[in-house]
């Protein structure tokens, strides 16, 4: 089926985190891979988003502490650039 984890092009992880923290989600949304694929009719043909994705912050992974405790903390995804 392939990789369905779309990401953001043209931004390093550091740039993306800076834009998220500055609430400049619209700049990230412009380079969203999924939006480009939908616009080019290469994925989810006929799909329409329910709202403006530039108003939704990217998702984060929850890192669960190793044995020994501590509270889990939300942490930005450590791998590829996050997607809004």
C-alpha atoms as a PDB file:
ATOM      1  CA  UNK A   1       0.000   0.000   0.000  1.00  0.00           C
ATOM      2  CA  UNK A   2       2.962   2.341   0.477  1.00  0.00           C
ATOM      3  CA  UNK A   3       3.933   5.068   2.896  1.00  0.00           C
ATOM      4  CA  UNK A   4       0.880   7.086   3.883  1.00  0.00           C
ATOM      5  CA  UNK A   5       2.812   9.301   6.283  1.00  0.00           C
ATOM      6  CA  UNK A   6       2.891  12.543   4.323  1.00  0.00           C
ATOM      7  CA  UNK A   7       5.344  15.185   5.422  1.00  0.00           C
ATOM      8  CA  UNK A   8       6.322  18.763   4.724  1.00  0.00           C
ATOM      9  CA  UNK A   9       8.759  19.561   1.920  1.00  0.00           C
ATOM     10  CA  UNK A  10      11.301  22.396   1.775  1.00  0.00           C
ATOM     11  CA  UNK A  11      11.808  22.796   5.529  1.00  0.00           C
ATOM     12  CA  UNK A  12      14.354  21.272   7.862  1.00  0.00           C
ATOM     13  CA  UNK A  13      13.066  19.903  11.142  1.00  0.00           C
ATOM     14  CA  UNK A  14      14.563  22.906  12.966  1.00  0.00           C
ATOM     15  CA  UNK A  15      12.786  25.356  10.618  1.00  0.00           C
ATOM     16  CA  UNK A  16       9.504  23.481  10.963  1.00  0.00           C
ATOM     17  CA  UNK A  17       9.654  23.539  14.769  1.00  0.00           C
ATOM     18  CA  UNK A  18      10.457  27.267  14.702  1.00  0.00           C
ATOM     19  CA  UNK A  19       7.454  27.942  12.426  1.00  0.00           C
ATOM     20  CA  UNK A  20       5.181  25.826  14.644  1.00  0.00           C
ATOM     21  CA  UNK A  21       6.316  27.675  17.751  1.00  0.00           C
ATOM     22  CA  UNK A  22       5.743  31.013  15.956  1.00  0.00           C
ATOM     23  CA  UNK A  23       2.240  29.808  14.959  1.00  0.00           C
ATOM     24  CA  UNK A  24       3.084  30.220  11.259  1.00  0.00           C
ATOM     25  CA  UNK A  25       1.257  27.059  10.260  1.00  0.00           C
ATOM     26  CA  UNK A  26       0.153  28.524   6.932  1.00  0.00           C
ATOM     27  CA  UNK A  27       3.761  28.562   5.725  1.00  0.00           C
ATOM     28  CA  UNK A  28       4.080  24.871   6.538  1.00  0.00           C
ATOM     29  CA  UNK A  29       0.726  24.027   4.954  1.00  0.00           C
ATOM     30  CA  UNK A  30       1.919  25.479   1.635  1.00  0.00           C
ATOM     31  CA  UNK A  31       4.553  22.722   1.428  1.00  0.00           C
ATOM     32  CA  UNK A  32       2.424  19.850   2.733  1.00  0.00           C
ATOM     33  CA  UNK A  33       2.994  16.723   0.609  1.00  0.00           C
ATOM     34  CA  UNK A  34      -0.565  15.453   1.006  1.00  0.00           C
ATOM     35  CA  UNK A  35      -2.075  18.703  -0.274  1.00  0.00           C
ATOM     36  CA  UNK A  36       0.198  18.556  -3.321  1.00  0.00           C
ATOM     37  CA  UNK A  37      -0.767  14.939  -4.030  1.00  0.00           C
ATOM     38  CA  UNK A  38      -4.494  15.697  -3.744  1.00  0.00           C
ATOM     39  CA  UNK A  39      -4.152  18.781  -5.967  1.00  0.00           C
ATOM     40  CA  UNK A  40      -2.329  16.683  -8.590  1.00  0.00           C
ATOM     41  CA  UNK A  41      -5.007  13.930  -8.426  1.00  0.00           C
ATOM     42  CA  UNK A  42      -2.358  11.412  -7.325  1.00  0.00           C
ATOM     43  CA  UNK A  43      -4.001  10.538  -3.997  1.00  0.00           C
ATOM     44  CA  UNK A  44      -7.436  10.624  -2.370  1.00  0.00           C
ATOM     45  CA  UNK A  45      -9.198  11.632  -5.596  1.00  0.00           C
ATOM     46  CA  UNK A  46     -12.286  13.683  -4.772  1.00  0.00           C
ATOM     47  CA  UNK A  47     -11.314  14.142  -1.123  1.00  0.00           C
ATOM     48  CA  UNK A  48     -12.026  17.544   0.397  1.00  0.00           C
ATOM     49  CA  UNK A  49     -10.610  18.623   3.726  1.00  0.00           C
ATOM     50  CA  UNK A  50     -13.132  19.676   6.351  1.00  0.00           C
ATOM     51  CA  UNK A  51     -11.266  22.803   7.302  1.00  0.00           C
ATOM     52  CA  UNK A  52      -8.204  24.922   6.823  1.00  0.00           C
ATOM     53  CA  UNK A  53      -5.243  22.732   7.796  1.00  0.00           C
ATOM     54  CA  UNK A  54      -3.209  25.879   8.432  1.00  0.00           C
ATOM     55  CA  UNK A  55      -5.225  26.222  11.654  1.00  0.00           C
ATOM     56  CA  UNK A  56      -4.211  22.813  13.031  1.00  0.00           C
ATOM     57  CA  UNK A  57      -0.837  22.234  14.650  1.00  0.00           C
ATOM     58  CA  UNK A  58       1.122  19.112  13.655  1.00  0.00           C
ATOM     59  CA  UNK A  59       0.708  15.929  15.643  1.00  0.00           C
ATOM     60  CA  UNK A  60       3.289  14.730  18.131  1.00  0.00           C
ATOM     61  CA  UNK A  61       4.406  11.374  19.410  1.00  0.00           C
ATOM     62  CA  UNK A  62       4.042  10.634  23.098  1.00  0.00           C
ATOM     63  CA  UNK A  63       7.278   9.248  24.479  1.00  0.00           C
ATOM     64  CA  UNK A  64       6.603   6.811  27.291  1.00  0.00           C
ATOM     65  CA  UNK A  65       9.348   6.697  29.916  1.00  0.00           C
ATOM     66  CA  UNK A  66      11.446   3.578  30.252  1.00  0.00           C
ATOM     67  CA  UNK A  67      11.150   1.300  33.265  1.00  0.00           C
ATOM     68  CA  UNK A  68      11.458   3.261  36.437  1.00  0.00           C
ATOM     69  CA  UNK A  69       8.749   5.805  35.965  1.00  0.00           C
ATOM     70  CA  UNK A  70       8.326   9.433  35.326  1.00  0.00           C
ATOM     71  CA  UNK A  71       5.474  11.038  33.478  1.00  0.00           C
ATOM     72  CA  UNK A  72       5.160  10.634  29.715  1.00  0.00           C
ATOM     73  CA  UNK A  73       5.813  13.904  27.923  1.00  0.00           C
ATOM     74  CA  UNK A  74       4.640  15.066  24.524  1.00  0.00           C
ATOM     75  CA  UNK A  75       7.683  15.461  22.320  1.00  0.00           C
ATOM     76  CA  UNK A  76       7.978  16.514  18.689  1.00  0.00           C
ATOM     77  CA  UNK A  77       8.390  13.612  16.304  1.00  0.00           C
ATOM     78  CA  UNK A  78      12.163  13.007  16.205  1.00  0.00           C
ATOM     79  CA  UNK A  79      12.248  11.695  12.646  1.00  0.00           C
ATOM     80  CA  UNK A  80      11.166  13.410   9.405  1.00  0.00           C
ATOM     81  CA  UNK A  81       9.727  16.900   9.293  1.00  0.00           C
ATOM     82  CA  UNK A  82       6.306  16.927  10.962  1.00  0.00           C
ATOM     83  CA  UNK A  83       3.135  17.294   8.923  1.00  0.00           C
ATOM     84  CA  UNK A  84       0.314  19.679   9.835  1.00  0.00           C
END
